């Protein structure tokens, strides 16, 4: 189960980076902010998952 959660965290980071890139191309600060929030959340979730936090 831990591997599935790690894969979801990696997908979250990938979607966040895509949101940042698309927001930059479209000059959309809202999409860039959502991408940054998604990346930060996914990284925090992934670290918590790897460390075994509850």
PDB file of N, CA and C in Angstrom:
ATOM      1  N   UNK A   1       0.815  -1.191   0.000  1.00  0.00           N
ATOM      2  CA  UNK A   1       0.000   0.000   0.000  1.00  0.00           C
ATOM      3  C   UNK A   1       0.865   1.264   0.000  1.00  0.00           C
ATOM      4  N   UNK A   2       2.019   1.180   0.627  1.00  0.00           N
ATOM      5  CA  UNK A   2       2.904   2.335   0.690  1.00  0.00           C
ATOM      6  C   UNK A   2       3.402   2.738  -0.693  1.00  0.00           C
ATOM      7  N   UNK A   3       3.598   1.741  -1.563  1.00  0.00           N
ATOM      8  CA  UNK A   3       4.076   2.049  -2.912  1.00  0.00           C
ATOM      9  C   UNK A   3       3.012   2.800  -3.715  1.00  0.00           C
ATOM     10  N   UNK A   4       1.763   2.431  -3.526  1.00  0.00           N
ATOM     11  CA  UNK A   4       0.675   3.105  -4.228  1.00  0.00           C
ATOM     12  C   UNK A   4       0.608   4.565  -3.796  1.00  0.00           C
ATOM     13  N   UNK A   5       0.736   4.834  -2.509  1.00  0.00           N
ATOM     14  CA  UNK A   5       0.698   6.200  -2.007  1.00  0.00           C
ATOM     15  C   UNK A   5       1.899   7.004  -2.495  1.00  0.00           C
ATOM     16  N   UNK A   6       3.038   6.355  -2.621  1.00  0.00           N
ATOM     17  CA  UNK A   6       4.224   7.033  -3.147  1.00  0.00           C
ATOM     18  C   UNK A   6       4.040   7.380  -4.618  1.00  0.00           C
ATOM     19  N   UNK A   7       3.445   6.481  -5.376  1.00  0.00           N
ATOM     20  CA  UNK A   7       3.176   6.749  -6.786  1.00  0.00           C
ATOM     21  C   UNK A   7       2.189   7.912  -6.922  1.00  0.00           C
ATOM     22  N   UNK A   8       1.182   7.953  -6.052  1.00  0.00           N
ATOM     23  CA  UNK A   8       0.231   9.062  -6.083  1.00  0.00           C
ATOM     24  C   UNK A   8       0.916  10.389  -5.758  1.00  0.00           C
ATOM     25  N   UNK A   9       1.860  10.370  -4.837  1.00  0.00           N
ATOM     26  CA  UNK A   9       2.601  11.595  -4.514  1.00  0.00           C
ATOM     27  C   UNK A   9       3.433  12.049  -5.711  1.00  0.00           C
ATOM     28  N   UNK A  10       4.061  11.123  -6.401  1.00  0.00           N
ATOM     29  CA  UNK A  10       4.858  11.463  -7.585  1.00  0.00           C
ATOM     30  C   UNK A  10       3.956  12.020  -8.697  1.00  0.00           C
ATOM     31  N   UNK A  11       2.778  11.429  -8.864  1.00  0.00           N
ATOM     32  CA  UNK A  11       1.839  11.945  -9.858  1.00  0.00           C
ATOM     33  C   UNK A  11       1.358  13.342  -9.487  1.00  0.00           C
ATOM     34  N   UNK A  12       1.175  13.587  -8.196  1.00  0.00           N
ATOM     35  CA  UNK A  12       0.785  14.920  -7.746  1.00  0.00           C
ATOM     36  C   UNK A  12       1.847  15.953  -8.064  1.00  0.00           C
ATOM     37  N   UNK A  13       3.101  15.581  -7.863  1.00  0.00           N
ATOM     38  CA  UNK A  13       4.200  16.495  -8.200  1.00  0.00           C
ATOM     39  C   UNK A  13       4.227  16.742  -9.706  1.00  0.00           C
ATOM     40  N   UNK A  14       4.041  15.694 -10.491  1.00  0.00           N
ATOM     41  CA  UNK A  14       4.058  15.861 -11.944  1.00  0.00           C
ATOM     42  C   UNK A  14       2.916  16.756 -12.410  1.00  0.00           C
ATOM     43  N   UNK A  15       1.727  16.580 -11.847  1.00  0.00           N
ATOM     44  CA  UNK A  15       0.596  17.431 -12.222  1.00  0.00           C
ATOM     45  C   UNK A  15       0.821  18.872 -11.782  1.00  0.00           C
ATOM     46  N   UNK A  16       1.432  19.056 -10.620  1.00  0.00           N
ATOM     47  CA  UNK A  16       1.727  20.403 -10.150  1.00  0.00           C
ATOM     48  C   UNK A  16       2.724  21.116 -11.047  1.00  0.00           C
ATOM     49  N   UNK A  17       3.748  20.406 -11.455  1.00  0.00           N
ATOM     50  CA  UNK A  17       4.744  20.993 -12.356  1.00  0.00           C
ATOM     51  C   UNK A  17       4.103  21.322 -13.701  1.00  0.00           C
ATOM     52  N   UNK A  18       3.236  20.448 -14.183  1.00  0.00           N
ATOM     53  CA  UNK A  18       2.533  20.732 -15.437  1.00  0.00           C
ATOM     54  C   UNK A  18       1.638  21.963 -15.281  1.00  0.00           C
ATOM     55  N   UNK A  19       0.983  22.098 -14.137  1.00  0.00           N
ATOM     56  CA  UNK A  19       0.150  23.267 -13.893  1.00  0.00           C
ATOM     57  C   UNK A  19       0.956  24.545 -13.862  1.00  0.00           C
ATOM     58  N   UNK A  20       2.128  24.480 -13.252  1.00  0.00           N
ATOM     59  CA  UNK A  20       3.007  25.655 -13.212  1.00  0.00           C
ATOM     60  C   UNK A  20       3.443  26.024 -14.637  1.00  0.00           C
ATOM     61  N   UNK A  21       3.844  25.036 -15.413  1.00  0.00           N
ATOM     62  CA  UNK A  21       4.308  25.304 -16.772  1.00  0.00           C
ATOM     63  C   UNK A  21       3.175  25.840 -17.644  1.00  0.00           C
ATOM     64  N   UNK A  22       2.003  25.251 -17.554  1.00  0.00           N
ATOM     65  CA  UNK A  22       0.878  25.722 -18.357  1.00  0.00           C
ATOM     66  C   UNK A  22       0.397  27.092 -17.894  1.00  0.00           C
ATOM     67  N   UNK A  23       0.469  27.344 -16.591  1.00  0.00           N
ATOM     68  CA  UNK A  23       0.090  28.655 -16.087  1.00  0.00           C
ATOM     69  C   UNK A  23       1.038  29.736 -16.552  1.00  0.00           C
ATOM     70  N   UNK A  24       2.305  29.388 -16.671  1.00  0.00           N
ATOM     71  CA  UNK A  24       3.286  30.351 -17.184  1.00  0.00           C
ATOM     72  C   UNK A  24       3.053  30.627 -18.662  1.00  0.00           C
ATOM     73  N   UNK A  25       2.747  29.596 -19.408  1.00  0.00           N
ATOM     74  CA  UNK A  25       2.533  29.761 -20.840  1.00  0.00           C
ATOM     75  C   UNK A  25       1.276  30.584 -21.109  1.00  0.00           C
ATOM     76  N   UNK A  26       0.265  30.428 -20.259  1.00  0.00           N
ATOM     77  CA  UNK A  26      -1.004  31.113 -20.457  1.00  0.00           C
ATOM     78  C   UNK A  26      -1.081  32.419 -19.676  1.00  0.00           C
ATOM     79  N   UNK A  27      -0.033  32.737 -18.935  1.00  0.00           N
ATOM     80  CA  UNK A  27       0.033  33.938 -18.100  1.00  0.00           C
ATOM     81  C   UNK A  27      -1.104  33.949 -17.069  1.00  0.00           C
ATOM     82  N   UNK A  28      -1.271  32.795 -16.417  1.00  0.00           N
ATOM     83  CA  UNK A  28      -2.346  32.628 -15.447  1.00  0.00           C
ATOM     84  C   UNK A  28      -1.750  32.436 -14.050  1.00  0.00           C
ATOM     85  N   UNK A  29      -1.770  33.469 -13.208  1.00  0.00           N
ATOM     86  CA  UNK A  29      -1.180  33.334 -11.881  1.00  0.00           C
ATOM     87  C   UNK A  29      -1.950  32.366 -10.987  1.00  0.00           C
ATOM     88  N   UNK A  30      -3.256  32.222 -11.227  1.00  0.00           N
ATOM     89  CA  UNK A  30      -4.048  31.296 -10.417  1.00  0.00           C
ATOM     90  C   UNK A  30      -3.642  29.857 -10.638  1.00  0.00           C
ATOM     91  N   UNK A  31      -3.428  29.489 -11.882  1.00  0.00           N
ATOM     92  CA  UNK A  31      -3.009  28.128 -12.198  1.00  0.00           C
ATOM     93  C   UNK A  31      -1.607  27.857 -11.665  1.00  0.00           C
ATOM     94  N   UNK A  32      -0.734  28.845 -11.731  1.00  0.00           N
ATOM     95  CA  UNK A  32       0.604  28.678 -11.176  1.00  0.00           C
ATOM     96  C   UNK A  32       0.531  28.455  -9.673  1.00  0.00           C
ATOM     97  N   UNK A  33      -0.319  29.218  -8.980  1.00  0.00           N
ATOM     98  CA  UNK A  33      -0.463  29.060  -7.534  1.00  0.00           C
ATOM     99  C   UNK A  33      -1.003  27.687  -7.187  1.00  0.00           C
ATOM    100  N   UNK A  34      -2.013  27.220  -7.912  1.00  0.00           N
ATOM    101  CA  UNK A  34      -2.545  25.882  -7.666  1.00  0.00           C
ATOM    102  C   UNK A  34      -1.475  24.814  -7.903  1.00  0.00           C
ATOM    103  N   UNK A  35      -0.657  25.006  -8.927  1.00  0.00           N
ATOM    104  CA  UNK A  35       0.424  24.054  -9.190  1.00  0.00           C
ATOM    105  C   UNK A  35       1.440  24.016  -8.068  1.00  0.00           C
ATOM    106  N   UNK A  36       1.797  25.192  -7.551  1.00  0.00           N
ATOM    107  CA  UNK A  36       2.759  25.256  -6.447  1.00  0.00           C
ATOM    108  C   UNK A  36       2.179  24.599  -5.198  1.00  0.00           C
ATOM    109  N   UNK A  37       0.916  24.882  -4.906  1.00  0.00           N
ATOM    110  CA  UNK A  37       0.269  24.285  -3.734  1.00  0.00           C
ATOM    111  C   UNK A  37       0.199  22.766  -3.884  1.00  0.00           C
ATOM    112  N   UNK A  38      -0.097  22.291  -5.080  1.00  0.00           N
ATOM    113  CA  UNK A  38      -0.159  20.850  -5.321  1.00  0.00           C
ATOM    114  C   UNK A  38       1.213  20.204  -5.153  1.00  0.00           C
ATOM    115  N   UNK A  39       2.253  20.839  -5.658  1.00  0.00           N
ATOM    116  CA  UNK A  39       3.606  20.293  -5.511  1.00  0.00           C
ATOM    117  C   UNK A  39       4.010  20.247  -4.041  1.00  0.00           C
ATOM    118  N   UNK A  40       3.779  21.328  -3.314  1.00  0.00           N
ATOM    119  CA  UNK A  40       4.161  21.365  -1.897  1.00  0.00           C
ATOM    120  C   UNK A  40       3.385  20.308  -1.108  1.00  0.00           C
ATOM    121  N   UNK A  41       2.097  20.189  -1.377  1.00  0.00           N
ATOM    122  CA  UNK A  41       1.291  19.188  -0.685  1.00  0.00           C
ATOM    123  C   UNK A  41       1.723  17.768  -1.000  1.00  0.00           C
ATOM    124  N   UNK A  42       2.015  17.503  -2.256  1.00  0.00           N
ATOM    125  CA  UNK A  42       2.430  16.157  -2.650  1.00  0.00           C
ATOM    126  C   UNK A  42       3.791  15.805  -2.062  1.00  0.00           C
ATOM    127  N   UNK A  43       4.708  16.765  -2.022  1.00  0.00           N
ATOM    128  CA  UNK A  43       6.024  16.504  -1.424  1.00  0.00           C
ATOM    129  C   UNK A  43       5.878  16.242   0.072  1.00  0.00           C
ATOM    130  N   UNK A  44       5.067  17.047   0.752  1.00  0.00           N
ATOM    131  CA  UNK A  44       4.848  16.836   2.183  1.00  0.00           C
ATOM    132  C   UNK A  44       4.197  15.481   2.438  1.00  0.00           C
ATOM    133  N   UNK A  45       3.214  15.114   1.611  1.00  0.00           N
ATOM    134  CA  UNK A  45       2.558  13.816   1.753  1.00  0.00           C
ATOM    135  C   UNK A  45       3.541  12.675   1.494  1.00  0.00           C
ATOM    136  N   UNK A  46       4.380  12.832   0.474  1.00  0.00           N
ATOM    137  CA  UNK A  46       5.363  11.790   0.169  1.00  0.00           C
ATOM    138  C   UNK A  46       6.386  11.613   1.272  1.00  0.00           C
ATOM    139  N   UNK A  47       6.859  12.714   1.835  1.00  0.00           N
ATOM    140  CA  UNK A  47       7.825  12.617   2.937  1.00  0.00           C
ATOM    141  C   UNK A  47       7.181  11.950   4.137  1.00  0.00           C
ATOM    142  N   UNK A  48       5.951  12.349   4.431  1.00  0.00           N
ATOM    143  CA  UNK A  48       5.233  11.739   5.561  1.00  0.00           C
ATOM    144  C   UNK A  48       5.021  10.252   5.337  1.00  0.00           C
ATOM    145  N   UNK A  49       4.734   9.862   4.099  1.00  0.00           N
ATOM    146  CA  UNK A  49       4.530   8.470   3.772  1.00  0.00           C
ATOM    147  C   UNK A  49       5.814   7.657   3.889  1.00  0.00           C
ATOM    148  N   UNK A  50       6.917   8.210   3.421  1.00  0.00           N
ATOM    149  CA  UNK A  50       8.190   7.491   3.474  1.00  0.00           C
ATOM    150  C   UNK A  50       8.684   7.343   4.906  1.00  0.00           C
ATOM    151  N   UNK A  51       8.482   8.390   5.710  1.00  0.00           N
ATOM    152  CA  UNK A  51       8.933   8.346   7.103  1.00  0.00           C
ATOM    153  C   UNK A  51       8.037   7.482   7.979  1.00  0.00           C
ATOM    154  N   UNK A  52       6.861   7.114   7.485  1.00  0.00           N
ATOM    155  CA  UNK A  52       5.975   6.238   8.246  1.00  0.00           C
ATOM    156  C   UNK A  52       5.097   6.969   9.236  1.00  0.00           C
ATOM    157  N   UNK A  53       4.850   8.240   9.005  1.00  0.00           N
ATOM    158  CA  UNK A  53       3.987   9.017   9.890  1.00  0.00           C
ATOM    159  C   UNK A  53       2.535   8.614   9.751  1.00  0.00           C
ATOM    160  N   UNK A  54       1.769   8.883  10.778  1.00  0.00           N
ATOM    161  CA  UNK A  54       0.357   8.497  10.738  1.00  0.00           C
ATOM    162  C   UNK A  54      -0.543   9.647  10.405  1.00  0.00           C
TER     163      UNK A  54
END
